[in-house]
Amino acid sequence: MIEVEDVHYVYPSNVEALKGVSLTIKDGEFIAIMGQNGAGKTTLVKHFNGLLKPTQGTVRINGVDTRKASIAELARNVGFVFQNPDHQLFSETVEEEISFALKNFGFEPEVIEKRLDWALNLLGLTQYRKTSPFLLSGGERKRVALASVLAWDPQVLVLDEPTIGQDHQQKENLRQFIIQMESQGKTVVIVTHDVEFVAECNPRVILMREGKIVADGEGREILTNPEVLAQSSIVLPQVAQIFSQLTILGLPKDVIDIYEAKEILLKALKERRK
């Protein structure tokens, strides 16, 4: 679905944000891109829908060279939700915001209404339908931005820091939604500092530092390796920290999410009681 070949990107200020990045993301994969501020994460994902074009190298989306396609053409298949929702919200009401792209893409009125209702319900925004997005909280505006992208059902969804401003329940809703997207064969890419959220999702993890990819692998493999994480100034998830101390009890150390941890501990407790 996404092919990045030896991509360099230099901003007009002469800052080289990407330095020879190569990456392949398959259709239906769930990817988390992590790293410290300035590592090049957002710069990289902005190449996925043509917001940025490589200074050197090639980016292809579903076989299409992004330098030979417009942002509008690429956006039909790649939905992008910015870290700051105010960078993409502009309509007077929530329903107008969500409907805007659907109208631009030529959906029929009855389809627009169905997709609008679906997106509002999915993200708990029905009560704000006639409200200005700019009267909502930061977390609510982020959900409006997400709804406005989900409504047109893109094949690839890129989320930049999606958990900022969201409480625990909203994060769990997002996790369940991503699982649903995976089951539908969608490609999901998140940029995040939220190591606990990534641990609970266990996607493929890509670590970046200073414009380069320094690690790429299964979440369980990457997030239980403190030496690898240290390259991008990331600490072990809390569950991984705990289980790294429990190996003396015969428990595995490669545990990163609370759901698996609960099952392992309950099973161990039952064994001890026998």
C-alpha atoms as a PDB file:
ATOM      1  CA  MET A   1       0.000   0.000   0.000  1.00  0.00           C
ATOM      2  CA  ILE A   2       2.784   2.462   0.934  1.00  0.00           C
ATOM      3  CA  GLU A   3       6.311   2.334  -0.475  1.00  0.00           C
ATOM      4  CA  VAL A   4       8.986   4.788   0.663  1.00  0.00           C
ATOM      5  CA  GLU A   5      12.342   4.497  -1.113  1.00  0.00           C
ATOM      6  CA  ASP A   6      15.427   6.391   0.076  1.00  0.00           C
ATOM      7  CA  VAL A   7      13.416   9.521   0.871  1.00  0.00           C
ATOM      8  CA  HIS A   8      15.113  12.732   1.911  1.00  0.00           C
ATOM      9  CA  TYR A   9      13.163  15.866   2.745  1.00  0.00           C
ATOM     10  CA  VAL A  10      14.630  19.327   3.284  1.00  0.00           C
ATOM     11  CA  TYR A  11      12.389  22.146   4.511  1.00  0.00           C
ATOM     12  CA  PRO A  12      12.751  25.652   2.988  1.00  0.00           C
ATOM     13  CA  SER A  13      14.645  26.595   6.174  1.00  0.00           C
ATOM     14  CA  ASN A  14      17.317  24.064   5.053  1.00  0.00           C
ATOM     15  CA  VAL A  15      16.480  21.675   7.900  1.00  0.00           C
ATOM     16  CA  GLU A  16      16.888  18.097   6.640  1.00  0.00           C
ATOM     17  CA  ALA A  17      13.992  16.304   8.340  1.00  0.00           C
ATOM     18  CA  LEU A  18      14.275  12.939   6.564  1.00  0.00           C
ATOM     19  CA  LYS A  19      17.594  11.317   5.727  1.00  0.00           C
ATOM     20  CA  GLY A  20      17.285   8.326   3.444  1.00  0.00           C
ATOM     21  CA  VAL A  21      14.131   6.706   4.829  1.00  0.00           C
ATOM     22  CA  SER A  22      12.962   3.456   3.222  1.00  0.00           C
ATOM     23  CA  LEU A  23       9.806   1.713   4.354  1.00  0.00           C
ATOM     24  CA  THR A  24       7.113  -0.626   3.064  1.00  0.00           C
ATOM     25  CA  ILE A  25       3.643  -0.776   4.639  1.00  0.00           C
ATOM     26  CA  LYS A  26       1.368  -3.552   3.449  1.00  0.00           C
ATOM     27  CA  ASP A  27      -2.355  -3.271   2.860  1.00  0.00           C
ATOM     28  CA  GLY A  28      -4.195  -3.917   6.141  1.00  0.00           C
ATOM     29  CA  GLU A  29      -1.231  -3.301   8.465  1.00  0.00           C
ATOM     30  CA  PHE A  30      -1.412  -1.337  11.714  1.00  0.00           C
ATOM     31  CA  ILE A  31       1.725   0.758  12.250  1.00  0.00           C
ATOM     32  CA  ALA A  32       2.837   2.963  15.142  1.00  0.00           C
ATOM     33  CA  ILE A  33       5.603   5.471  14.357  1.00  0.00           C
ATOM     34  CA  MET A  34       7.368   6.657  17.497  1.00  0.00           C
ATOM     35  CA  GLY A  35      10.302   8.853  18.456  1.00  0.00           C
ATOM     36  CA  GLN A  36      11.246  12.069  20.213  1.00  0.00           C
ATOM     37  CA  ASN A  37      10.192  15.510  18.983  1.00  0.00           C
ATOM     38  CA  GLY A  38      12.007  16.424  15.791  1.00  0.00           C
ATOM     39  CA  ALA A  39      12.656  12.795  14.812  1.00  0.00           C
ATOM     40  CA  GLY A  40      10.830  13.249  11.491  1.00  0.00           C
ATOM     41  CA  LYS A  41       7.647  11.295  12.286  1.00  0.00           C
ATOM     42  CA  THR A  42       5.075  13.837  11.124  1.00  0.00           C
ATOM     43  CA  THR A  43       7.227  14.856   8.169  1.00  0.00           C
ATOM     44  CA  LEU A  44       7.269  11.226   7.058  1.00  0.00           C
ATOM     45  CA  VAL A  45       3.507  10.622   7.276  1.00  0.00           C
ATOM     46  CA  LYS A  46       2.742  13.897   5.480  1.00  0.00           C
ATOM     47  CA  HIS A  47       4.338  12.244   2.461  1.00  0.00           C
ATOM     48  CA  PHE A  48       1.645   9.554   2.526  1.00  0.00           C
ATOM     49  CA  ASN A  49      -1.062  11.846   1.135  1.00  0.00           C
ATOM     50  CA  GLY A  50       1.090  14.272  -0.816  1.00  0.00           C
ATOM     51  CA  LEU A  51       1.079  17.136   1.698  1.00  0.00           C
ATOM     52  CA  LEU A  52       4.841  16.950   1.284  1.00  0.00           C
ATOM     53  CA  LYS A  53       6.740  15.672  -1.755  1.00  0.00           C
ATOM     54  CA  PRO A  54      10.230  14.136  -1.423  1.00  0.00           C
ATOM     55  CA  THR A  55      13.262  16.324  -1.997  1.00  0.00           C
ATOM     56  CA  GLN A  56      14.934  13.099  -3.076  1.00  0.00           C
ATOM     57  CA  GLY A  57      13.633   9.550  -3.380  1.00  0.00           C
ATOM     58  CA  THR A  58      10.178   8.151  -4.137  1.00  0.00           C
ATOM     59  CA  VAL A  59       6.887   7.623  -2.308  1.00  0.00           C
ATOM     60  CA  ARG A  60       4.218   5.443  -3.896  1.00  0.00           C
ATOM     61  CA  ILE A  61       0.698   4.971  -2.546  1.00  0.00           C
ATOM     62  CA  ASN A  62      -0.979   1.886  -3.950  1.00  0.00           C
ATOM     63  CA  GLY A  63       1.469   2.070  -6.847  1.00  0.00           C
ATOM     64  CA  VAL A  64       0.961   5.795  -7.540  1.00  0.00           C
ATOM     65  CA  ASP A  65       3.979   8.111  -7.349  1.00  0.00           C
ATOM     66  CA  THR A  66       2.893  10.975  -5.073  1.00  0.00           C
ATOM     67  CA  ARG A  67       4.800  13.495  -7.208  1.00  0.00           C
ATOM     68  CA  LYS A  68       2.530  12.604 -10.119  1.00  0.00           C
ATOM     69  CA  ALA A  69      -0.776  12.943  -8.230  1.00  0.00           C
ATOM     70  CA  SER A  70      -2.547  15.837  -6.542  1.00  0.00           C
ATOM     71  CA  ILE A  71      -3.327  15.956  -2.826  1.00  0.00           C
ATOM     72  CA  ALA A  72      -7.020  15.695  -3.705  1.00  0.00           C
ATOM     73  CA  GLU A  73      -6.434  12.501  -5.693  1.00  0.00           C
ATOM     74  CA  LEU A  74      -4.364  10.936  -2.936  1.00  0.00           C
ATOM     75  CA  ALA A  75      -6.761  12.031  -0.177  1.00  0.00           C
ATOM     76  CA  ARG A  76      -9.539   9.852  -1.565  1.00  0.00           C
ATOM     77  CA  ASN A  77      -7.560   6.819  -0.421  1.00  0.00           C
ATOM     78  CA  VAL A  78      -5.499   8.320   2.412  1.00  0.00           C
ATOM     79  CA  GLY A  79      -7.286  10.097   5.262  1.00  0.00           C
ATOM     80  CA  PHE A  80      -5.085  12.286   7.493  1.00  0.00           C
ATOM     81  CA  VAL A  81      -6.039  13.541  10.962  1.00  0.00           C
ATOM     82  CA  PHE A  82      -3.693  16.272  12.213  1.00  0.00           C
ATOM     83  CA  GLN A  83      -2.280  16.442  15.730  1.00  0.00           C
ATOM     84  CA  ASN A  84      -3.918  19.852  16.113  1.00  0.00           C
ATOM     85  CA  PRO A  85      -7.533  19.566  14.882  1.00  0.00           C
ATOM     86  CA  ASP A  86      -7.737  23.345  14.430  1.00  0.00           C
ATOM     87  CA  HIS A  87      -5.448  22.922  11.414  1.00  0.00           C
ATOM     88  CA  GLN A  88      -8.225  21.155   9.502  1.00  0.00           C
ATOM     89  CA  LEU A  89     -11.545  22.354  10.972  1.00  0.00           C
ATOM     90  CA  PHE A  90     -13.253  25.311   9.322  1.00  0.00           C
ATOM     91  CA  SER A  91     -17.032  24.724   8.995  1.00  0.00           C
ATOM     92  CA  GLU A  92     -19.733  26.439  11.061  1.00  0.00           C
ATOM     93  CA  THR A  93     -21.229  23.224  12.455  1.00  0.00           C
ATOM     94  CA  VAL A  94     -20.059  19.698  13.178  1.00  0.00           C
ATOM     95  CA  GLU A  95     -22.405  18.189  10.586  1.00  0.00           C
ATOM     96  CA  GLU A  96     -21.145  20.577   7.896  1.00  0.00           C
ATOM     97  CA  GLU A  97     -17.556  19.688   8.791  1.00  0.00           C
ATOM     98  CA  ILE A  98     -18.172  15.959   8.457  1.00  0.00           C
ATOM     99  CA  SER A  99     -20.217  16.344   5.265  1.00  0.00           C
ATOM    100  CA  PHE A 100     -17.762  18.622   3.465  1.00  0.00           C
ATOM    101  CA  ALA A 101     -15.445  15.985   1.974  1.00  0.00           C
ATOM    102  CA  LEU A 102     -18.375  13.697   1.145  1.00  0.00           C
ATOM    103  CA  LYS A 103     -19.903  16.447  -0.979  1.00  0.00           C
ATOM    104  CA  ASN A 104     -16.550  17.197  -2.634  1.00  0.00           C
ATOM    105  CA  PHE A 105     -16.080  13.534  -3.503  1.00  0.00           C
ATOM    106  CA  GLY A 106     -19.516  13.474  -5.145  1.00  0.00           C
ATOM    107  CA  PHE A 107     -21.442  11.190  -2.786  1.00  0.00           C
ATOM    108  CA  GLU A 108     -25.226  11.145  -3.224  1.00  0.00           C
ATOM    109  CA  PRO A 109     -27.254  13.108  -0.600  1.00  0.00           C
ATOM    110  CA  GLU A 110     -28.781   9.978   0.952  1.00  0.00           C
ATOM    111  CA  VAL A 111     -25.327   8.380   1.260  1.00  0.00           C
ATOM    112  CA  ILE A 112     -23.957  11.560   2.840  1.00  0.00           C
ATOM    113  CA  GLU A 113     -26.722  11.502   5.443  1.00  0.00           C
ATOM    114  CA  LYS A 114     -26.058   7.841   6.293  1.00  0.00           C
ATOM    115  CA  ARG A 115     -22.284   8.354   6.546  1.00  0.00           C
ATOM    116  CA  LEU A 116     -22.828  11.482   8.644  1.00  0.00           C
ATOM    117  CA  ASP A 117     -25.088   9.678  11.125  1.00  0.00           C
ATOM    118  CA  TRP A 118     -22.657   6.749  11.278  1.00  0.00           C
ATOM    119  CA  ALA A 119     -19.634   8.970  12.032  1.00  0.00           C
ATOM    120  CA  LEU A 120     -21.508  11.027  14.640  1.00  0.00           C
ATOM    121  CA  ASN A 121     -22.657   7.893  16.464  1.00  0.00           C
ATOM    122  CA  LEU A 122     -19.284   6.175  16.241  1.00  0.00           C
ATOM    123  CA  LEU A 123     -17.432   9.019  17.934  1.00  0.00           C
ATOM    124  CA  GLY A 124     -20.133  10.142  20.361  1.00  0.00           C
ATOM    125  CA  LEU A 125     -20.777  13.464  18.635  1.00  0.00           C
ATOM    126  CA  THR A 126     -24.510  13.259  17.891  1.00  0.00           C
ATOM    127  CA  GLN A 127     -25.423  15.848  20.528  1.00  0.00           C
ATOM    128  CA  TYR A 128     -22.993  18.326  18.908  1.00  0.00           C
ATOM    129  CA  ARG A 129     -24.402  17.948  15.391  1.00  0.00           C
ATOM    130  CA  LYS A 130     -25.527  21.604  15.109  1.00  0.00           C
ATOM    131  CA  THR A 131     -22.715  22.999  17.272  1.00  0.00           C
ATOM    132  CA  SER A 132     -19.704  24.917  16.027  1.00  0.00           C
ATOM    133  CA  PRO A 133     -16.575  22.736  16.298  1.00  0.00           C
ATOM    134  CA  PHE A 134     -14.762  25.703  17.804  1.00  0.00           C
ATOM    135  CA  LEU A 135     -17.049  25.693  20.848  1.00  0.00           C
ATOM    136  CA  LEU A 136     -15.998  22.134  21.728  1.00  0.00           C
ATOM    137  CA  SER A 137     -13.118  20.964  23.900  1.00  0.00           C
ATOM    138  CA  GLY A 138      -9.783  19.998  22.378  1.00  0.00           C
ATOM    139  CA  GLY A 139     -10.557  16.292  22.694  1.00  0.00           C
ATOM    140  CA  GLU A 140     -13.996  16.749  21.134  1.00  0.00           C
ATOM    141  CA  ARG A 141     -12.559  18.762  18.229  1.00  0.00           C
ATOM    142  CA  LYS A 142     -10.083  15.960  17.619  1.00  0.00           C
ATOM    143  CA  ARG A 143     -12.993  13.517  17.412  1.00  0.00           C
ATOM    144  CA  VAL A 144     -14.760  15.819  14.927  1.00  0.00           C
ATOM    145  CA  ALA A 145     -11.614  15.874  12.772  1.00  0.00           C
ATOM    146  CA  LEU A 146     -11.454  12.081  12.917  1.00  0.00           C
ATOM    147  CA  ALA A 147     -15.154  11.767  12.049  1.00  0.00           C
ATOM    148  CA  SER A 148     -14.725  14.081   9.060  1.00  0.00           C
ATOM    149  CA  VAL A 149     -12.082  11.727   7.659  1.00  0.00           C
ATOM    150  CA  LEU A 150     -13.729   8.426   8.548  1.00  0.00           C
ATOM    151  CA  ALA A 151     -16.965   9.487   6.866  1.00  0.00           C
ATOM    152  CA  TRP A 152     -15.551   8.964   3.362  1.00  0.00           C
ATOM    153  CA  ASP A 153     -14.085   5.537   4.280  1.00  0.00           C
ATOM    154  CA  PRO A 154     -10.454   5.886   3.098  1.00  0.00           C
ATOM    155  CA  GLN A 155      -8.354   2.760   2.640  1.00  0.00           C
ATOM    156  CA  VAL A 156      -5.494   4.268   4.662  1.00  0.00           C
ATOM    157  CA  LEU A 157      -5.973   6.223   7.882  1.00  0.00           C
ATOM    158  CA  VAL A 158      -3.119   8.340   9.288  1.00  0.00           C
ATOM    159  CA  LEU A 159      -3.565   9.632  12.855  1.00  0.00           C
ATOM    160  CA  ASP A 160      -1.066  12.128  14.263  1.00  0.00           C
ATOM    161  CA  GLU A 161      -1.032  11.927  18.100  1.00  0.00           C
ATOM    162  CA  PRO A 162      -4.655  10.661  18.308  1.00  0.00           C
ATOM    163  CA  THR A 163      -4.687  10.091  22.093  1.00  0.00           C
ATOM    164  CA  ILE A 164      -3.770  13.645  23.143  1.00  0.00           C
ATOM    165  CA  GLY A 165      -6.697  15.188  25.017  1.00  0.00           C
ATOM    166  CA  GLN A 166      -8.583  11.874  25.263  1.00  0.00           C
ATOM    167  CA  ASP A 167      -9.529  10.213  28.558  1.00  0.00           C
ATOM    168  CA  HIS A 168      -9.142   6.505  29.301  1.00  0.00           C
ATOM    169  CA  GLN A 169     -12.555   5.538  27.908  1.00  0.00           C
ATOM    170  CA  GLN A 170     -12.003   7.520  24.716  1.00  0.00           C
ATOM    171  CA  LYS A 171      -8.621   5.839  24.273  1.00  0.00           C
ATOM    172  CA  GLU A 172     -10.267   2.437  24.703  1.00  0.00           C
ATOM    173  CA  ASN A 173     -12.913   3.421  22.146  1.00  0.00           C
ATOM    174  CA  LEU A 174     -10.106   4.385  19.759  1.00  0.00           C
ATOM    175  CA  ARG A 175      -8.358   1.059  20.354  1.00  0.00           C
ATOM    176  CA  GLN A 176     -11.551  -0.876  19.618  1.00  0.00           C
ATOM    177  CA  PHE A 177     -12.110   1.233  16.519  1.00  0.00           C
ATOM    178  CA  ILE A 178      -8.619   0.467  15.218  1.00  0.00           C
ATOM    179  CA  ILE A 179      -9.267  -3.247  15.777  1.00  0.00           C
ATOM    180  CA  GLN A 180     -12.456  -2.846  13.746  1.00  0.00           C
ATOM    181  CA  MET A 181     -10.550  -1.059  10.968  1.00  0.00           C
ATOM    182  CA  GLU A 182      -7.987  -3.882  10.901  1.00  0.00           C
ATOM    183  CA  SER A 183     -10.748  -6.481  10.592  1.00  0.00           C
ATOM    184  CA  GLN A 184     -12.013  -4.569   7.534  1.00  0.00           C
ATOM    185  CA  GLY A 185      -8.577  -4.702   5.901  1.00  0.00           C
ATOM    186  CA  LYS A 186      -7.805  -1.012   6.369  1.00  0.00           C
ATOM    187  CA  THR A 187      -4.276   0.295   6.794  1.00  0.00           C
ATOM    188  CA  VAL A 188      -3.841   2.366   9.974  1.00  0.00           C
ATOM    189  CA  VAL A 189      -0.771   4.478  10.760  1.00  0.00           C
ATOM    190  CA  ILE A 190      -0.479   6.391  14.028  1.00  0.00           C
ATOM    191  CA  VAL A 191       2.207   8.841  15.105  1.00  0.00           C
ATOM    192  CA  THR A 192       2.360   8.897  18.890  1.00  0.00           C
ATOM    193  CA  HIS A 193       4.388   9.377  22.071  1.00  0.00           C
ATOM    194  CA  ASP A 194       1.820   7.330  24.021  1.00  0.00           C
ATOM    195  CA  VAL A 195       3.789   4.153  24.684  1.00  0.00           C
ATOM    196  CA  GLU A 196       1.059   2.745  26.953  1.00  0.00           C
ATOM    197  CA  PHE A 197      -1.547   3.041  24.182  1.00  0.00           C
ATOM    198  CA  VAL A 198       0.796   1.418  21.676  1.00  0.00           C
ATOM    199  CA  ALA A 199       1.484  -1.412  24.136  1.00  0.00           C
ATOM    200  CA  GLU A 200      -2.216  -2.153  24.489  1.00  0.00           C
ATOM    201  CA  CYS A 201      -2.648  -2.204  20.689  1.00  0.00           C
ATOM    202  CA  ASN A 202       0.574  -4.156  19.901  1.00  0.00           C
ATOM    203  CA  PRO A 203       1.027  -2.979  16.289  1.00  0.00           C
ATOM    204  CA  ARG A 204       4.158  -3.063  14.179  1.00  0.00           C
ATOM    205  CA  VAL A 205       6.396  -0.347  15.684  1.00  0.00           C
ATOM    206  CA  ILE A 206       8.758   1.927  13.790  1.00  0.00           C
ATOM    207  CA  LEU A 207      11.190   4.012  15.842  1.00  0.00           C
ATOM    208  CA  MET A 208      12.723   7.161  14.378  1.00  0.00           C
ATOM    209  CA  ARG A 209      15.575   9.390  15.430  1.00  0.00           C
ATOM    210  CA  GLU A 210      17.067  12.425  13.696  1.00  0.00           C
ATOM    211  CA  GLY A 211      15.284  11.756  10.410  1.00  0.00           C
ATOM    212  CA  LYS A 212      16.117   8.054  10.198  1.00  0.00           C
ATOM    213  CA  ILE A 213      14.428   4.766  11.091  1.00  0.00           C
ATOM    214  CA  VAL A 214      16.438   3.111  13.882  1.00  0.00           C
ATOM    215  CA  ALA A 215      14.149   0.124  14.594  1.00  0.00           C
ATOM    216  CA  ASP A 216      11.252  -1.643  12.904  1.00  0.00           C
ATOM    217  CA  GLY A 217       9.482  -4.715  14.232  1.00  0.00           C
ATOM    218  CA  GLU A 218       6.605  -6.284  16.111  1.00  0.00           C
ATOM    219  CA  GLY A 219       5.377  -4.212  19.036  1.00  0.00           C
ATOM    220  CA  ARG A 220       6.116  -6.943  21.586  1.00  0.00           C
ATOM    221  CA  GLU A 221       9.691  -7.224  20.298  1.00  0.00           C
ATOM    222  CA  ILE A 222      10.416  -3.485  20.238  1.00  0.00           C
ATOM    223  CA  LEU A 223       8.582  -2.434  23.411  1.00  0.00           C
ATOM    224  CA  THR A 224      10.311  -4.984  25.652  1.00  0.00           C
ATOM    225  CA  ASN A 225      13.806  -3.967  24.560  1.00  0.00           C
ATOM    226  CA  PRO A 226      15.023  -1.018  26.677  1.00  0.00           C
ATOM    227  CA  GLU A 227      18.229  -0.632  24.677  1.00  0.00           C
ATOM    228  CA  VAL A 228      16.321  -0.239  21.404  1.00  0.00           C
ATOM    229  CA  LEU A 229      13.763   2.128  22.956  1.00  0.00           C
ATOM    230  CA  ALA A 230      16.529   4.281  24.428  1.00  0.00           C
ATOM    231  CA  GLN A 231      17.641   5.193  20.895  1.00  0.00           C
ATOM    232  CA  SER A 232      14.402   7.179  20.557  1.00  0.00           C
ATOM    233  CA  SER A 233      14.177   8.329  24.198  1.00  0.00           C
ATOM    234  CA  ILE A 234      11.219   6.033  24.942  1.00  0.00           C
ATOM    235  CA  VAL A 235      10.788   4.146  28.223  1.00  0.00           C
ATOM    236  CA  LEU A 236       9.398   0.646  28.642  1.00  0.00           C
ATOM    237  CA  PRO A 237       5.603   0.425  29.031  1.00  0.00           C
ATOM    238  CA  GLN A 238       4.589   0.015  32.684  1.00  0.00           C
ATOM    239  CA  VAL A 239       3.455  -3.584  32.210  1.00  0.00           C
ATOM    240  CA  ALA A 240       6.766  -4.468  30.548  1.00  0.00           C
ATOM    241  CA  GLN A 241       8.648  -2.863  33.438  1.00  0.00           C
ATOM    242  CA  ILE A 242       6.719  -4.993  35.946  1.00  0.00           C
ATOM    243  CA  PHE A 243       7.109  -8.273  34.070  1.00  0.00           C
ATOM    244  CA  SER A 244      10.819  -7.686  33.549  1.00  0.00           C
ATOM    245  CA  GLN A 245      11.089  -8.057  37.345  1.00  0.00           C
ATOM    246  CA  LEU A 246       8.889 -11.156  37.515  1.00  0.00           C
ATOM    247  CA  THR A 247      11.006 -13.516  35.429  1.00  0.00           C
ATOM    248  CA  ILE A 248      12.406 -14.963  38.699  1.00  0.00           C
ATOM    249  CA  LEU A 249       8.905 -16.343  39.275  1.00  0.00           C
ATOM    250  CA  GLY A 250       8.915 -18.061  35.910  1.00  0.00           C
ATOM    251  CA  LEU A 251       6.718 -15.477  34.208  1.00  0.00           C
ATOM    252  CA  PRO A 252       7.514 -14.256  30.665  1.00  0.00           C
ATOM    253  CA  LYS A 253       9.146 -10.862  30.255  1.00  0.00           C
ATOM    254  CA  ASP A 254       7.740 -10.063  26.794  1.00  0.00           C
ATOM    255  CA  VAL A 255       4.371  -8.856  28.095  1.00  0.00           C
ATOM    256  CA  ILE A 256       3.301  -5.339  27.140  1.00  0.00           C
ATOM    257  CA  ASP A 257      -0.455  -4.999  27.534  1.00  0.00           C
ATOM    258  CA  ILE A 258      -2.712  -5.165  30.580  1.00  0.00           C
ATOM    259  CA  TYR A 259      -5.125  -7.652  29.020  1.00  0.00           C
ATOM    260  CA  GLU A 260      -2.489 -10.317  28.496  1.00  0.00           C
ATOM    261  CA  ALA A 261      -0.916  -9.471  31.858  1.00  0.00           C
ATOM    262  CA  LYS A 262      -4.225 -10.097  33.623  1.00  0.00           C
ATOM    263  CA  GLU A 263      -4.629 -13.524  31.996  1.00  0.00           C
ATOM    264  CA  ILE A 264      -1.058 -14.564  32.843  1.00  0.00           C
ATOM    265  CA  LEU A 265      -1.324 -13.458  36.480  1.00  0.00           C
ATOM    266  CA  LEU A 266      -4.685 -15.149  37.010  1.00  0.00           C
ATOM    267  CA  LYS A 267      -3.348 -18.360  35.512  1.00  0.00           C
ATOM    268  CA  ALA A 268      -0.222 -18.192  37.706  1.00  0.00           C
ATOM    269  CA  LEU A 269      -2.361 -17.593  40.787  1.00  0.00           C
ATOM    270  CA  LYS A 270      -4.523 -20.643  40.029  1.00  0.00           C
ATOM    271  CA  GLU A 271      -1.398 -22.773  39.575  1.00  0.00           C
ATOM    272  CA  ARG A 272       0.002 -21.657  42.937  1.00  0.00           C
ATOM    273  CA  ARG A 273      -3.275 -22.537  44.666  1.00  0.00           C
ATOM    274  CA  LYS A 274      -3.223 -26.118  43.415  1.00  0.00           C
END
